[in-house]
């Protein structure tokens, strides 16, 4: 079981509500455990290591059992072990992606006019003038520490 899913399955309504409020997630029905779990699992800014900080030691041990890891030790040790094991699993599952001719992806070669030469890139580096500031305001050209 994935770590984030295991953590969310352990949490009760009050724990989920606390996390949703803490991350200031809008549009989530705080009465529905199912909706809070799905919103937290969809969120990309909420990583498993952030969720582990909201759990007690007994809850972290339950997560270990769900993930098939030994649950012996103190809270910080178990958290390090969980994160290390999930990192190893994610490295094993991520295979390098290669594109072959038979992969179903159509790759078109660049045309001559699409290619950028060094002359074109150097020609277009001329600085652009900013518009004049409104009346009563002035432009700062150089910052100085006084």
N, C-alpha and C. Protein backbone atom coordinates (compact mmCIF):
# COMPACT_ATOMS: atom_id res chain seq x y z
N UNK A 1 0.85 -1.18 0.00
CA UNK A 1 0.00 0.00 0.00
C UNK A 1 0.89 1.24 0.00
N UNK A 2 0.50 2.24 -0.76
CA UNK A 2 1.29 3.46 -0.81
C UNK A 2 1.19 4.18 0.52
N UNK A 3 2.26 4.90 0.85
CA UNK A 3 2.38 5.52 2.16
C UNK A 3 1.30 6.58 2.40
N UNK A 4 1.06 7.44 1.45
CA UNK A 4 0.07 8.51 1.64
C UNK A 4 -1.32 7.92 1.83
N UNK A 5 -1.65 6.90 1.07
CA UNK A 5 -2.95 6.25 1.19
C UNK A 5 -3.09 5.55 2.53
N UNK A 6 -2.02 4.93 3.00
CA UNK A 6 -2.04 4.26 4.29
C UNK A 6 -2.24 5.25 5.43
N UNK A 7 -1.57 6.39 5.34
CA UNK A 7 -1.69 7.42 6.39
C UNK A 7 -3.12 7.95 6.43
N UNK A 8 -3.69 8.22 5.27
CA UNK A 8 -5.04 8.78 5.22
C UNK A 8 -6.08 7.77 5.68
N UNK A 9 -5.82 6.48 5.49
CA UNK A 9 -6.78 5.46 5.94
C UNK A 9 -6.78 5.33 7.46
N UNK A 10 -5.68 5.67 8.12
CA UNK A 10 -5.58 5.59 9.57
C UNK A 10 -6.30 6.76 10.25
N UNK A 11 -6.28 7.92 9.63
CA UNK A 11 -6.82 9.13 10.27
C UNK A 11 -8.34 9.09 10.39
N UNK A 12 -8.85 9.62 11.50
CA UNK A 12 -10.29 9.73 11.70
C UNK A 12 -10.76 11.11 11.22
N UNK A 13 -12.05 11.40 11.40
CA UNK A 13 -12.63 12.64 10.90
C UNK A 13 -11.97 13.87 11.50
N UNK A 14 -11.72 13.86 12.81
CA UNK A 14 -11.12 15.02 13.46
C UNK A 14 -9.70 15.27 12.97
N UNK A 15 -8.94 14.20 12.81
CA UNK A 15 -7.57 14.34 12.29
C UNK A 15 -7.56 14.87 10.86
N UNK A 16 -8.45 14.33 10.04
CA UNK A 16 -8.55 14.80 8.66
C UNK A 16 -8.98 16.27 8.60
N UNK A 17 -9.96 16.63 9.43
CA UNK A 17 -10.44 18.01 9.46
C UNK A 17 -9.33 18.96 9.89
N UNK A 18 -8.52 18.54 10.87
CA UNK A 18 -7.42 19.37 11.35
C UNK A 18 -6.40 19.61 10.23
N UNK A 19 -6.08 18.57 9.47
CA UNK A 19 -5.11 18.69 8.38
C UNK A 19 -5.66 19.57 7.26
N UNK A 20 -6.94 19.36 6.90
CA UNK A 20 -7.56 20.16 5.84
C UNK A 20 -7.57 21.63 6.24
N UNK A 21 -7.90 21.91 7.50
CA UNK A 21 -7.89 23.30 7.97
C UNK A 21 -6.48 23.86 8.02
N UNK A 22 -5.52 23.04 8.42
CA UNK A 22 -4.14 23.49 8.54
C UNK A 22 -3.55 23.86 7.18
N UNK A 23 -3.92 23.13 6.14
CA UNK A 23 -3.42 23.42 4.79
C UNK A 23 -4.34 24.38 4.03
N UNK A 24 -5.37 24.87 4.70
CA UNK A 24 -6.30 25.86 4.14
C UNK A 24 -6.86 25.42 2.79
N UNK A 25 -7.40 24.21 2.77
CA UNK A 25 -7.99 23.67 1.54
C UNK A 25 -9.44 24.12 1.46
N UNK A 26 -9.79 24.77 0.37
CA UNK A 26 -11.15 25.26 0.16
C UNK A 26 -11.93 24.26 -0.69
N UNK A 27 -13.24 24.30 -0.56
CA UNK A 27 -14.10 23.47 -1.38
C UNK A 27 -14.17 22.03 -0.94
N UNK A 28 -13.81 21.75 0.31
CA UNK A 28 -13.85 20.38 0.83
C UNK A 28 -14.91 20.31 1.91
N UNK A 29 -15.82 19.35 1.78
CA UNK A 29 -16.87 19.16 2.78
C UNK A 29 -16.25 18.51 4.02
N UNK A 30 -16.16 19.26 5.09
CA UNK A 30 -15.51 18.80 6.30
C UNK A 30 -16.37 17.83 7.10
N UNK A 31 -17.58 17.58 6.65
CA UNK A 31 -18.44 16.59 7.31
C UNK A 31 -18.20 15.19 6.75
N UNK A 32 -17.66 15.10 5.55
CA UNK A 32 -17.48 13.82 4.87
C UNK A 32 -16.03 13.35 4.95
N UNK A 33 -15.84 12.22 5.61
CA UNK A 33 -14.49 11.65 5.73
C UNK A 33 -13.97 11.26 4.35
N UNK A 34 -14.84 10.69 3.54
CA UNK A 34 -14.45 10.24 2.21
C UNK A 34 -13.97 11.41 1.34
N UNK A 35 -14.68 12.52 1.40
CA UNK A 35 -14.31 13.68 0.59
C UNK A 35 -13.01 14.31 1.08
N UNK A 36 -12.82 14.36 2.40
CA UNK A 36 -11.57 14.91 2.92
C UNK A 36 -10.39 14.03 2.53
N UNK A 37 -10.56 12.70 2.62
CA UNK A 37 -9.48 11.78 2.22
C UNK A 37 -9.14 11.94 0.74
N UNK A 38 -10.17 12.03 -0.09
CA UNK A 38 -9.88 12.14 -1.53
C UNK A 38 -9.24 13.48 -1.86
N UNK A 39 -9.65 14.56 -1.20
CA UNK A 39 -9.03 15.86 -1.46
C UNK A 39 -7.58 15.87 -1.01
N UNK A 40 -7.30 15.27 0.13
CA UNK A 40 -5.91 15.22 0.61
C UNK A 40 -5.05 14.32 -0.27
N UNK A 41 -5.61 13.23 -0.75
CA UNK A 41 -4.81 12.33 -1.59
C UNK A 41 -4.54 12.94 -2.96
N UNK A 42 -5.46 13.79 -3.44
CA UNK A 42 -5.25 14.44 -4.74
C UNK A 42 -4.26 15.60 -4.67
N UNK A 43 -4.12 16.19 -3.51
CA UNK A 43 -3.28 17.36 -3.37
C UNK A 43 -1.80 16.99 -3.54
N UNK A 44 -1.13 17.73 -4.40
CA UNK A 44 0.29 17.45 -4.65
C UNK A 44 1.20 18.16 -3.66
N UNK A 45 0.69 19.19 -3.02
CA UNK A 45 1.54 19.91 -2.07
C UNK A 45 1.63 19.19 -0.73
N UNK A 46 0.75 18.23 -0.49
CA UNK A 46 0.77 17.49 0.77
C UNK A 46 1.50 16.18 0.53
N UNK A 47 2.70 16.11 1.05
CA UNK A 47 3.55 14.93 0.90
C UNK A 47 3.40 14.03 2.13
N UNK A 48 3.73 12.75 2.01
CA UNK A 48 3.61 11.84 3.15
C UNK A 48 4.42 12.26 4.37
N UNK A 49 5.60 12.86 4.15
CA UNK A 49 6.41 13.26 5.30
C UNK A 49 5.73 14.37 6.10
N UNK A 50 4.92 15.21 5.44
CA UNK A 50 4.16 16.23 6.15
C UNK A 50 3.01 15.59 6.94
N UNK A 51 2.38 14.58 6.35
CA UNK A 51 1.27 13.92 7.03
C UNK A 51 1.73 13.12 8.24
N UNK A 52 2.94 12.57 8.18
CA UNK A 52 3.44 11.78 9.31
C UNK A 52 3.60 12.62 10.57
N UNK A 53 3.81 13.92 10.41
CA UNK A 53 3.95 14.79 11.58
C UNK A 53 2.65 14.92 12.36
N UNK A 54 1.52 14.62 11.74
CA UNK A 54 0.22 14.74 12.41
C UNK A 54 -0.18 13.47 13.16
N UNK A 55 0.60 12.39 13.01
CA UNK A 55 0.23 11.11 13.62
C UNK A 55 0.93 10.88 14.95
N UNK A 56 0.24 10.14 15.83
CA UNK A 56 0.84 9.69 17.08
C UNK A 56 1.67 8.44 16.80
N UNK A 57 2.47 8.04 17.77
CA UNK A 57 3.34 6.88 17.59
C UNK A 57 2.54 5.61 17.30
N UNK A 58 1.42 5.43 17.97
CA UNK A 58 0.61 4.23 17.74
C UNK A 58 0.04 4.22 16.32
N UNK A 59 -0.35 5.38 15.82
CA UNK A 59 -0.86 5.47 14.46
C UNK A 59 0.24 5.20 13.43
N UNK A 60 1.45 5.67 13.72
CA UNK A 60 2.57 5.43 12.81
C UNK A 60 2.88 3.93 12.76
N UNK A 61 2.75 3.26 13.89
CA UNK A 61 2.98 1.81 13.90
C UNK A 61 1.92 1.09 13.08
N UNK A 62 0.68 1.58 13.10
CA UNK A 62 -0.37 1.00 12.25
C UNK A 62 -0.04 1.18 10.78
N UNK A 63 0.49 2.34 10.43
CA UNK A 63 0.88 2.61 9.04
C UNK A 63 1.98 1.64 8.62
N UNK A 64 2.93 1.39 9.52
CA UNK A 64 4.01 0.43 9.22
C UNK A 64 3.44 -0.95 8.93
N UNK A 65 2.47 -1.37 9.73
CA UNK A 65 1.87 -2.68 9.52
C UNK A 65 1.14 -2.73 8.18
N UNK A 66 0.45 -1.65 7.81
CA UNK A 66 -0.23 -1.62 6.52
C UNK A 66 0.75 -1.68 5.35
N UNK A 67 1.92 -1.07 5.54
CA UNK A 67 2.93 -1.06 4.47
C UNK A 67 3.81 -2.30 4.48
N UNK A 68 3.63 -3.15 5.49
CA UNK A 68 4.42 -4.38 5.57
C UNK A 68 5.82 -4.18 6.10
N UNK A 69 6.01 -3.18 6.95
CA UNK A 69 7.32 -2.89 7.53
C UNK A 69 7.28 -3.18 9.03
N UNK A 70 8.44 -3.49 9.62
CA UNK A 70 8.46 -3.71 11.07
C UNK A 70 8.14 -2.40 11.81
N UNK A 71 7.37 -2.53 12.89
CA UNK A 71 6.93 -1.33 13.61
C UNK A 71 7.58 -1.22 14.98
N UNK A 72 8.80 -1.64 15.09
CA UNK A 72 9.51 -1.55 16.37
C UNK A 72 10.36 -0.30 16.38
N UNK A 73 10.41 0.34 17.55
CA UNK A 73 11.23 1.53 17.70
C UNK A 73 10.40 2.72 18.12
N UNK A 74 11.07 3.84 18.23
CA UNK A 74 10.40 5.07 18.62
C UNK A 74 9.88 5.80 17.39
N UNK A 75 9.14 6.85 17.63
CA UNK A 75 8.42 7.57 16.59
C UNK A 75 9.35 8.08 15.48
N UNK A 76 10.40 8.79 15.86
CA UNK A 76 11.30 9.38 14.86
C UNK A 76 12.01 8.31 14.05
N UNK A 77 12.40 7.22 14.71
CA UNK A 77 13.07 6.13 14.00
C UNK A 77 12.14 5.48 12.99
N UNK A 78 10.89 5.29 13.41
CA UNK A 78 9.92 4.65 12.51
C UNK A 78 9.64 5.55 11.31
N UNK A 79 9.53 6.86 11.54
CA UNK A 79 9.28 7.81 10.44
C UNK A 79 10.43 7.76 9.44
N UNK A 80 11.67 7.77 9.94
CA UNK A 80 12.84 7.70 9.04
C UNK A 80 12.82 6.41 8.23
N UNK A 81 12.47 5.30 8.91
CA UNK A 81 12.42 4.00 8.24
C UNK A 81 11.33 3.99 7.16
N UNK A 82 10.16 4.53 7.47
CA UNK A 82 9.06 4.58 6.49
C UNK A 82 9.46 5.39 5.26
N UNK A 83 10.02 6.55 5.50
CA UNK A 83 10.40 7.41 4.37
C UNK A 83 11.52 6.78 3.55
N UNK A 84 12.47 6.13 4.21
CA UNK A 84 13.57 5.48 3.50
C UNK A 84 13.04 4.33 2.63
N UNK A 85 12.15 3.52 3.19
CA UNK A 85 11.62 2.37 2.45
C UNK A 85 10.75 2.80 1.27
N UNK A 86 9.93 3.82 1.47
CA UNK A 86 9.10 4.28 0.35
C UNK A 86 9.95 4.94 -0.73
N UNK A 87 11.05 5.58 -0.32
CA UNK A 87 11.96 6.17 -1.30
C UNK A 87 12.62 5.06 -2.13
N UNK A 88 13.01 3.97 -1.46
CA UNK A 88 13.61 2.85 -2.18
C UNK A 88 12.62 2.23 -3.16
N UNK A 89 11.36 2.07 -2.71
CA UNK A 89 10.34 1.49 -3.58
C UNK A 89 10.07 2.37 -4.78
N UNK A 90 10.04 3.68 -4.57
CA UNK A 90 9.77 4.58 -5.69
C UNK A 90 10.93 4.59 -6.68
N UNK A 91 12.15 4.43 -6.19
CA UNK A 91 13.30 4.36 -7.10
C UNK A 91 13.27 3.08 -7.91
N UNK A 92 12.83 1.98 -7.28
CA UNK A 92 12.76 0.71 -7.99
C UNK A 92 11.68 0.71 -9.06
N UNK A 93 10.56 1.37 -8.78
CA UNK A 93 9.46 1.34 -9.74
C UNK A 93 9.66 2.31 -10.89
N UNK A 94 10.46 3.34 -10.69
CA UNK A 94 10.69 4.31 -11.76
C UNK A 94 11.77 3.76 -12.69
N UNK A 95 11.35 3.40 -13.89
CA UNK A 95 12.29 2.91 -14.88
C UNK A 95 12.58 4.05 -15.85
N UNK A 96 13.77 4.07 -16.41
CA UNK A 96 14.07 5.13 -17.37
C UNK A 96 13.17 5.00 -18.59
N UNK A 97 12.64 6.12 -19.04
CA UNK A 97 11.72 6.11 -20.16
C UNK A 97 12.50 6.29 -21.46
N UNK A 98 12.27 5.39 -22.36
CA UNK A 98 12.91 5.49 -23.67
C UNK A 98 11.81 5.50 -24.72
N UNK A 99 12.06 6.21 -25.79
CA UNK A 99 11.11 6.28 -26.88
C UNK A 99 11.65 5.45 -28.02
N UNK A 100 10.89 4.47 -28.40
CA UNK A 100 11.30 3.65 -29.53
C UNK A 100 10.41 3.99 -30.72
N UNK A 101 10.76 3.47 -31.85
CA UNK A 101 9.99 3.75 -33.06
C UNK A 101 8.59 3.14 -32.98
N UNK A 102 8.45 2.05 -32.25
CA UNK A 102 7.17 1.36 -32.15
C UNK A 102 6.40 1.71 -30.89
N UNK A 103 6.76 2.78 -30.20
CA UNK A 103 6.10 3.11 -28.94
C UNK A 103 4.76 3.82 -29.13
N UNK A 104 4.43 4.22 -30.33
CA UNK A 104 3.16 4.89 -30.58
C UNK A 104 3.25 6.40 -30.46
N UNK A 105 4.44 6.93 -30.18
CA UNK A 105 4.61 8.37 -30.06
C UNK A 105 5.21 8.88 -31.36
N UNK A 106 4.54 9.83 -31.96
CA UNK A 106 5.03 10.41 -33.21
C UNK A 106 5.96 11.57 -32.90
N UNK A 107 7.20 11.46 -33.27
CA UNK A 107 8.18 12.51 -33.05
C UNK A 107 8.56 13.07 -34.41
N UNK A 108 8.32 14.37 -34.59
CA UNK A 108 8.65 15.02 -35.86
C UNK A 108 9.99 15.72 -35.73
N UNK A 109 10.85 15.59 -36.72
CA UNK A 109 12.12 16.32 -36.66
C UNK A 109 11.88 17.81 -36.85
N UNK A 110 12.76 18.62 -36.29
CA UNK A 110 12.65 20.07 -36.41
C UNK A 110 12.96 20.52 -37.83
N UNK A 111 12.20 21.51 -38.28
CA UNK A 111 12.47 22.09 -39.59
C UNK A 111 13.60 23.08 -39.45
N UNK A 112 14.17 23.48 -40.56
CA UNK A 112 15.30 24.41 -40.55
C UNK A 112 14.91 25.75 -39.95
N UNK A 113 13.67 26.24 -40.23
CA UNK A 113 13.28 27.54 -39.70
C UNK A 113 12.95 27.48 -38.21
N UNK A 114 12.66 26.26 -37.67
CA UNK A 114 12.38 26.12 -36.25
C UNK A 114 13.65 26.10 -35.41
N UNK A 115 14.75 25.74 -36.02
CA UNK A 115 16.00 25.69 -35.29
C UNK A 115 16.51 27.10 -35.03
N UNK A 116 17.01 27.34 -33.84
CA UNK A 116 17.52 28.66 -33.47
C UNK A 116 19.04 28.63 -33.60
N UNK A 117 19.54 29.54 -34.41
CA UNK A 117 20.99 29.60 -34.56
C UNK A 117 21.55 30.60 -33.55
N UNK A 118 22.84 30.58 -33.39
CA UNK A 118 23.50 31.50 -32.46
C UNK A 118 23.34 32.95 -32.90
N UNK A 119 23.33 33.17 -34.21
CA UNK A 119 23.19 34.53 -34.72
C UNK A 119 21.82 35.12 -34.37
N UNK A 120 20.75 34.31 -34.48
CA UNK A 120 19.40 34.78 -34.16
C UNK A 120 19.27 35.11 -32.68
N UNK A 121 19.83 34.27 -31.82
CA UNK A 121 19.68 34.51 -30.39
C UNK A 121 20.47 35.74 -29.95
N UNK A 122 21.59 36.01 -30.59
CA UNK A 122 22.38 37.18 -30.23
C UNK A 122 21.74 38.45 -30.78
N UNK A 123 21.07 38.35 -31.89
CA UNK A 123 20.43 39.50 -32.50
C UNK A 123 19.25 40.01 -31.67
N UNK A 124 18.52 39.12 -31.01
CA UNK A 124 17.31 39.48 -30.27
C UNK A 124 17.57 39.79 -28.79
N UNK A 125 18.80 39.99 -28.38
CA UNK A 125 19.10 40.26 -26.98
C UNK A 125 19.15 41.75 -26.66
N UNK A 126 18.69 42.59 -27.56
CA UNK A 126 18.68 44.03 -27.34
C UNK A 126 17.74 44.35 -26.18
N UNK A 127 18.17 45.19 -25.21
CA UNK A 127 17.30 45.47 -24.07
C UNK A 127 16.05 46.22 -24.50
N UNK A 128 14.94 45.90 -23.82
CA UNK A 128 13.66 46.51 -24.15
C UNK A 128 13.42 47.70 -23.22
N UNK A 129 13.01 48.82 -23.76
CA UNK A 129 12.76 50.03 -22.97
C UNK A 129 11.42 49.92 -22.26
N UNK A 130 11.41 50.24 -20.98
CA UNK A 130 10.18 50.23 -20.20
C UNK A 130 9.40 51.52 -20.44
N UNK A 131 8.07 51.49 -20.29
CA UNK A 131 7.29 52.72 -20.48
C UNK A 131 7.61 53.72 -19.38
N UNK A 132 7.38 55.00 -19.68
CA UNK A 132 7.64 56.05 -18.70
C UNK A 132 6.69 55.91 -17.51
N UNK A 133 7.18 56.18 -16.29
CA UNK A 133 6.31 56.07 -15.12
C UNK A 133 5.27 57.17 -15.10
N UNK A 134 4.14 56.97 -14.40
CA UNK A 134 3.11 58.00 -14.33
C UNK A 134 3.61 59.23 -13.59
N UNK A 135 2.86 60.31 -13.70
CA UNK A 135 3.24 61.58 -13.06
C UNK A 135 3.32 61.40 -11.55
N UNK A 136 4.34 61.99 -10.95
CA UNK A 136 4.52 61.90 -9.51
C UNK A 136 5.37 60.71 -9.09
N UNK A 137 5.72 59.85 -10.01
CA UNK A 137 6.56 58.68 -9.71
C UNK A 137 7.84 58.79 -10.52
N UNK A 138 8.87 58.10 -10.09
CA UNK A 138 10.12 58.12 -10.83
C UNK A 138 10.70 56.72 -10.90
N UNK A 139 11.56 56.52 -11.86
CA UNK A 139 12.19 55.23 -12.10
C UNK A 139 13.52 55.17 -11.37
N UNK A 140 13.78 54.07 -10.69
CA UNK A 140 15.06 53.87 -10.03
C UNK A 140 15.94 53.08 -10.97
N UNK A 141 17.08 53.63 -11.32
CA UNK A 141 17.97 52.97 -12.25
C UNK A 141 19.02 52.13 -11.53
N UNK A 142 19.38 52.52 -10.35
CA UNK A 142 20.45 51.83 -9.64
C UNK A 142 20.10 51.79 -8.16
N UNK A 143 20.24 50.64 -7.55
CA UNK A 143 19.97 50.56 -6.11
C UNK A 143 21.28 50.70 -5.35
N UNK A 144 21.22 51.40 -4.25
CA UNK A 144 22.41 51.61 -3.43
C UNK A 144 22.09 51.33 -1.98
N UNK A 145 23.06 50.81 -1.28
CA UNK A 145 22.93 50.64 0.16
C UNK A 145 23.46 51.88 0.84
N UNK A 146 22.68 52.48 1.68
CA UNK A 146 23.09 53.73 2.33
C UNK A 146 23.37 53.46 3.78
